[in-house]
Amino acid sequence: LVERYPDPDDRRGVIVRLTAEGKTAVDGAFPALLRAELGLLADLPPAERHELADLLRRLLAPFA
């Protein structure tokens, strides 16, 4: 499902990419993931969903 290549800029690193089969697997699993996430959030009122989204955005900002 993945291909690994040596990083040309850093001999310690490895570049990992999805193969075509890997992309197909991810695409097939994505709808179920979204349904599961909606199920997890179903009991949160809208204001708390927005608060959670804002907090997650702040948490992940350094990685963007």
C-alpha atoms as a PDB file:
ATOM      1  CA  LEU A   1       0.000   0.000   0.000  1.00  0.00           C
ATOM      2  CA  VAL A   2       3.030   2.292   0.390  1.00  0.00           C
ATOM      3  CA  GLU A   3       6.344   2.855  -1.349  1.00  0.00           C
ATOM      4  CA  ARG A   4       9.474   3.914   0.527  1.00  0.00           C
ATOM      5  CA  TYR A   5      12.332   5.882  -1.004  1.00  0.00           C
ATOM      6  CA  PRO A   6      15.536   7.214   0.519  1.00  0.00           C
ATOM      7  CA  ASP A   7      15.354  10.954   1.161  1.00  0.00           C
ATOM      8  CA  PRO A   8      17.837  12.552  -1.261  1.00  0.00           C
ATOM      9  CA  ASP A   9      18.387  15.473   1.140  1.00  0.00           C
ATOM     10  CA  ASP A  10      18.859  13.487   4.348  1.00  0.00           C
ATOM     11  CA  ARG A  11      20.317   9.969   4.324  1.00  0.00           C
ATOM     12  CA  ARG A  12      18.634   9.245   7.662  1.00  0.00           C
ATOM     13  CA  GLY A  13      15.167   9.915   6.251  1.00  0.00           C
ATOM     14  CA  VAL A  14      12.729   7.968   4.143  1.00  0.00           C
ATOM     15  CA  ILE A  15      10.018   9.327   1.859  1.00  0.00           C
ATOM     16  CA  VAL A  16       6.813   7.319   2.048  1.00  0.00           C
ATOM     17  CA  ARG A  17       4.074   7.541  -0.598  1.00  0.00           C
ATOM     18  CA  LEU A  18       0.820   5.734  -1.136  1.00  0.00           C
ATOM     19  CA  THR A  19       0.692   3.390  -4.105  1.00  0.00           C
ATOM     20  CA  ALA A  20      -2.332   3.418  -6.410  1.00  0.00           C
ATOM     21  CA  GLU A  21      -3.689   0.497  -4.384  1.00  0.00           C
ATOM     22  CA  GLY A  22      -3.055   2.434  -1.174  1.00  0.00           C
ATOM     23  CA  LYS A  23      -4.944   5.458  -2.512  1.00  0.00           C
ATOM     24  CA  THR A  24      -7.855   3.206  -3.445  1.00  0.00           C
ATOM     25  CA  ALA A  25      -7.876   1.723   0.072  1.00  0.00           C
ATOM     26  CA  VAL A  26      -7.888   5.182   1.668  1.00  0.00           C
ATOM     27  CA  ASP A  27     -10.637   6.399  -0.652  1.00  0.00           C
ATOM     28  CA  GLY A  28     -12.712   3.331   0.231  1.00  0.00           C
ATOM     29  CA  ALA A  29     -12.235   3.792   3.989  1.00  0.00           C
ATOM     30  CA  PHE A  30     -12.840   7.543   4.069  1.00  0.00           C
ATOM     31  CA  PRO A  31     -16.680   7.524   4.089  1.00  0.00           C
ATOM     32  CA  ALA A  32     -16.694   5.141   7.080  1.00  0.00           C
ATOM     33  CA  LEU A  33     -14.217   7.391   8.892  1.00  0.00           C
ATOM     34  CA  LEU A  34     -16.445  10.419   8.337  1.00  0.00           C
ATOM     35  CA  ARG A  35     -19.503   8.518   9.611  1.00  0.00           C
ATOM     36  CA  ALA A  36     -17.569   7.454  12.716  1.00  0.00           C
ATOM     37  CA  GLU A  37     -16.440  11.025  13.385  1.00  0.00           C
ATOM     38  CA  LEU A  38     -19.995  12.315  13.023  1.00  0.00           C
ATOM     39  CA  GLY A  39     -21.092   9.672  15.514  1.00  0.00           C
ATOM     40  CA  LEU A  40     -18.469  10.850  18.004  1.00  0.00           C
ATOM     41  CA  LEU A  41     -19.625  14.449  17.665  1.00  0.00           C
ATOM     42  CA  ALA A  42     -23.358  13.749  17.594  1.00  0.00           C
ATOM     43  CA  ASP A  43     -23.918  14.451  21.297  1.00  0.00           C
ATOM     44  CA  LEU A  44     -22.021  17.749  21.323  1.00  0.00           C
ATOM     45  CA  PRO A  45     -24.106  20.885  20.952  1.00  0.00           C
ATOM     46  CA  PRO A  46     -23.103  23.133  18.029  1.00  0.00           C
ATOM     47  CA  ALA A  47     -21.297  25.642  20.263  1.00  0.00           C
ATOM     48  CA  GLU A  48     -19.091  22.893  21.702  1.00  0.00           C
ATOM     49  CA  ARG A  49     -18.394  21.513  18.214  1.00  0.00           C
ATOM     50  CA  HIS A  50     -17.174  24.955  17.158  1.00  0.00           C
ATOM     51  CA  GLU A  51     -15.077  25.255  20.306  1.00  0.00           C
ATOM     52  CA  LEU A  52     -13.535  21.835  19.654  1.00  0.00           C
ATOM     53  CA  ALA A  53     -12.796  22.771  16.039  1.00  0.00           C
ATOM     54  CA  ASP A  54     -11.098  25.992  17.156  1.00  0.00           C
ATOM     55  CA  LEU A  55      -8.995  24.166  19.734  1.00  0.00           C
ATOM     56  CA  LEU A  56      -7.933  21.499  17.242  1.00  0.00           C
ATOM     57  CA  ARG A  57      -7.055  24.185  14.686  1.00  0.00           C
ATOM     58  CA  ARG A  58      -4.795  25.908  17.262  1.00  0.00           C
ATOM     59  CA  LEU A  59      -3.228  22.601  18.241  1.00  0.00           C
ATOM     60  CA  LEU A  60      -2.430  21.652  14.633  1.00  0.00           C
ATOM     61  CA  ALA A  61      -1.395  25.124  13.382  1.00  0.00           C
ATOM     62  CA  PRO A  62       2.346  24.532  13.917  1.00  0.00           C
ATOM     63  CA  PHE A  63       2.191  21.525  11.588  1.00  0.00           C
ATOM     64  CA  ALA A  64       0.532  23.343   8.683  1.00  0.00           C
END
